[in-house]
């Protein structure tokens, strides 16, 4: 199975990452959620909704936002970790993380 994750920061600022199931290295969805938990705290993200539980979708959006466009533009290890963990945590093979509208599409 192949995966595609697009992280968009606005018109003309889209970064596409493609990888296979084998690239996930046997990692689990729970490990991916823990990665987002760690990054959410490390980047000092502010919850979108200050009341209630922070959902995985909120963590994915905020980690991308606070991680910054530069990390995705350089397509280094952090960006690859982000996209692989997003695919696992959300359980989808195609994901669009749209930071301009602050939504995730499948």
Protein backbone atom coordinates (compact mmCIF):
# COMPACT_ATOMS: atom_id res chain seq x y z
CA UNK A 1 0.00 0.00 0.00
CA UNK A 2 1.27 3.48 -0.80
CA UNK A 3 0.68 6.61 1.26
CA UNK A 4 0.53 10.27 0.28
CA UNK A 5 0.56 13.10 2.79
CA UNK A 6 0.29 16.70 1.60
CA UNK A 7 1.01 19.54 3.99
CA UNK A 8 -0.29 22.87 2.67
CA UNK A 9 0.56 26.27 4.11
CA UNK A 10 -1.43 28.21 1.52
CA UNK A 11 -1.65 28.62 -2.23
CA UNK A 12 1.56 27.47 -3.89
CA UNK A 13 3.04 26.27 -0.59
CA UNK A 14 2.27 22.55 -0.70
CA UNK A 15 4.66 19.79 0.25
CA UNK A 16 3.87 16.24 -0.85
CA UNK A 17 5.40 13.15 0.71
CA UNK A 18 4.95 9.64 -0.70
CA UNK A 19 5.99 6.42 0.95
CA UNK A 20 5.07 2.74 1.15
CA UNK A 21 3.80 0.57 3.97
CA UNK A 22 7.31 -0.85 4.25
CA UNK A 23 8.67 2.63 5.03
CA UNK A 24 6.59 2.63 8.23
CA UNK A 25 8.93 0.01 9.69
CA UNK A 26 6.31 -1.90 11.64
CA UNK A 27 5.40 1.12 13.76
CA UNK A 28 1.92 1.09 15.34
CA UNK A 29 -0.83 3.71 15.45
CA UNK A 30 -0.31 3.99 19.22
CA UNK A 31 3.38 4.78 18.72
CA UNK A 32 2.40 7.42 16.16
CA UNK A 33 -0.03 9.02 18.61
CA UNK A 34 2.72 9.09 21.25
CA UNK A 35 5.03 10.81 18.74
CA UNK A 36 2.40 13.53 18.27
CA UNK A 37 1.93 13.83 22.05
CA UNK A 38 5.69 14.34 22.47
CA UNK A 39 5.96 16.87 19.62
CA UNK A 40 2.87 18.77 20.79
CA UNK A 41 4.56 19.35 24.16
CA UNK A 42 8.06 19.89 22.75
CA UNK A 43 6.86 22.57 20.30
CA UNK A 44 4.77 24.20 23.05
CA UNK A 45 1.62 24.01 20.93
CA UNK A 46 -1.50 25.82 22.09
CA UNK A 47 -4.67 23.68 21.99
CA UNK A 48 -7.20 24.79 19.35
CA UNK A 49 -9.98 24.25 21.84
CA UNK A 50 -8.95 25.35 25.34
CA UNK A 51 -11.88 23.46 26.88
CA UNK A 52 -11.95 19.68 26.73
CA UNK A 53 -9.87 16.94 25.21
CA UNK A 54 -7.25 17.59 22.53
CA UNK A 55 -8.03 15.26 19.61
CA UNK A 56 -5.40 13.64 17.41
CA UNK A 57 -6.55 15.82 14.50
CA UNK A 58 -5.85 18.93 16.61
CA UNK A 59 -2.42 17.58 17.48
CA UNK A 60 -1.56 16.85 13.83
CA UNK A 61 -2.65 20.35 12.76
CA UNK A 62 -0.87 22.12 15.60
CA UNK A 63 2.35 20.14 15.31
CA UNK A 64 2.49 20.99 11.59
CA UNK A 65 1.75 24.65 12.32
CA UNK A 66 4.24 25.04 15.17
CA UNK A 67 6.81 22.86 13.41
CA UNK A 68 6.79 25.40 10.59
CA UNK A 69 6.87 25.43 6.83
CA UNK A 70 10.67 25.37 6.65
CA UNK A 71 10.83 21.83 8.02
CA UNK A 72 8.51 20.58 5.29
CA UNK A 73 10.27 22.58 2.58
CA UNK A 74 13.61 20.96 3.40
CA UNK A 75 11.92 17.51 3.45
CA UNK A 76 14.30 16.23 6.12
CA UNK A 77 13.91 13.63 8.82
CA UNK A 78 11.43 15.58 10.96
CA UNK A 79 9.05 16.13 8.02
CA UNK A 80 9.25 12.46 7.07
CA UNK A 81 8.58 11.43 10.67
CA UNK A 82 5.60 13.80 10.76
CA UNK A 83 4.03 12.44 7.55
CA UNK A 84 4.55 8.78 8.43
CA UNK A 85 3.17 9.27 11.93
CA UNK A 86 0.20 11.23 10.55
CA UNK A 87 -0.67 8.37 8.18
CA UNK A 88 -0.48 5.85 11.02
CA UNK A 89 -2.25 7.93 13.67
CA UNK A 90 -5.11 8.87 11.33
CA UNK A 91 -5.30 5.44 9.67
CA UNK A 92 -5.50 6.80 6.12
CA UNK A 93 -3.40 6.30 3.01
CA UNK A 94 -4.05 9.81 1.62
CA UNK A 95 -4.12 12.86 3.88
CA UNK A 96 -4.13 16.60 3.23
CA UNK A 97 -3.09 18.77 6.17
CA UNK A 98 -4.39 22.22 5.18
CA UNK A 99 -2.99 24.81 7.56
CA UNK A 100 -4.49 27.80 5.72
CA UNK A 101 -8.00 26.52 6.54
CA UNK A 102 -6.83 24.51 9.59
CA UNK A 103 -8.50 21.29 8.43
CA UNK A 104 -7.51 17.76 7.52
CA UNK A 105 -8.92 16.13 4.40
CA UNK A 106 -8.84 12.52 3.27
